C-alpha atoms as a PDB file:
ATOM      1  CA  UNK A   1      -5.178  -1.075  -6.072  1.00  0.00           C
ATOM      2  CA  UNK A   2      -7.040  -3.077  -3.447  1.00  0.00           C
ATOM      3  CA  UNK A   3      -4.548  -5.932  -3.786  1.00  0.00           C
ATOM      4  CA  UNK A   4      -1.772  -3.540  -2.838  1.00  0.00           C
ATOM      5  CA  UNK A   5      -3.370  -2.064   0.299  1.00  0.00           C
ATOM      6  CA  UNK A   6      -3.478  -5.219   2.430  1.00  0.00           C
ATOM      7  CA  UNK A   7       0.201  -6.193   1.967  1.00  0.00           C
ATOM      8  CA  UNK A   8       1.290  -2.615   2.658  1.00  0.00           C
ATOM      9  CA  UNK A   9      -0.857  -2.515   5.778  1.00  0.00           C
ATOM     10  CA  UNK A  10       0.596  -5.802   7.013  1.00  0.00           C
ATOM     11  CA  UNK A  11       4.141  -4.603   6.367  1.00  0.00           C
ATOM     12  CA  UNK A  12       3.481  -1.406   8.269  1.00  0.00           C
ATOM     13  CA  UNK A  13       2.042  -3.224  11.268  1.00  0.00           C
ATOM     14  CA  UNK A  14       4.870  -5.753  11.379  1.00  0.00           C
ATOM     15  CA  UNK A  15       7.461  -2.981  11.133  1.00  0.00           C
ATOM     16  CA  UNK A  16       5.890  -1.233  14.114  1.00  0.00           C
ATOM     17  CA  UNK A  17       6.139  -4.397  16.177  1.00  0.00           C
ATOM     18  CA  UNK A  18       9.752  -4.884  15.119  1.00  0.00           C
ATOM     19  CA  UNK A  19      10.724  -1.321  15.962  1.00  0.00           C
ATOM     20  CA  UNK A  20       8.973  -1.584  19.322  1.00  0.00           C
ATOM     21  CA  UNK A  21      10.851  -4.777  20.140  1.00  0.00           C
ATOM     22  CA  UNK A  22      14.151  -3.264  19.068  1.00  0.00           C
ATOM     23  CA  UNK A  23      13.463  -0.221  21.222  1.00  0.00           C
ATOM     24  CA  UNK A  24      12.850  -2.420  24.233  1.00  0.00           C
ATOM     25  CA  UNK A  25      16.068  -4.345  23.601  1.00  0.00           C
ATOM     26  CA  UNK A  26      18.073  -1.128  23.309  1.00  0.00           C
ATOM     27  CA  UNK A  27      16.497   0.182  26.492  1.00  0.00           C
ATOM     28  CA  UNK A  28      17.506  -2.970  28.390  1.00  0.00           C
ATOM     29  CA  UNK A  29      21.043  -2.722  27.030  1.00  0.00           C
ATOM     30  CA  UNK A  30      21.187   0.906  28.166  1.00  0.00           C
ATOM     31  CA  UNK A  31      20.030  -0.098  31.637  1.00  0.00           C
ATOM     32  CA  UNK A  32      22.778  -2.716  31.859  1.00  0.00           C
ATOM     33  CA  UNK A  33      25.441  -0.202  30.822  1.00  0.00           C
ATOM     34  CA  UNK A  34      24.129   2.346  33.334  1.00  0.00           C
ATOM     35  CA  UNK A  35      24.106  -0.206  36.150  1.00  0.00           C
ATOM     36  CA  UNK A  36      27.654  -1.263  35.310  1.00  0.00           C
ATOM     37  CA  UNK A  37      28.803   2.361  35.291  1.00  0.00           C
ATOM     38  CA  UNK A  38      27.198   2.948  38.709  1.00  0.00           C
ATOM     39  CA  UNK A  39      28.927  -0.127  40.147  1.00  0.00           C
ATOM     40  CA  UNK A  40      32.302   1.039  38.853  1.00  0.00           C
ATOM     41  CA  UNK A  41      31.745   4.517  40.292  1.00  0.00           C
ATOM     42  CA  UNK A  42      30.785   3.110  43.671  1.00  0.00           C
ATOM     43  CA  UNK A  43      33.852   0.878  43.801  1.00  0.00           C
ATOM     44  CA  UNK A  44      36.206   3.836  43.253  1.00  0.00           C
END
């Protein structure tokens, strides 16, 4: 049982870091799309 806890803990922690990084990437992509939409609206 003890042998199983450490790998599961490491997987959980690494998944959190991965999800956090993906969330940041998606947020940046959303900002770029929003900025582009604002520029198009202003040019009309």
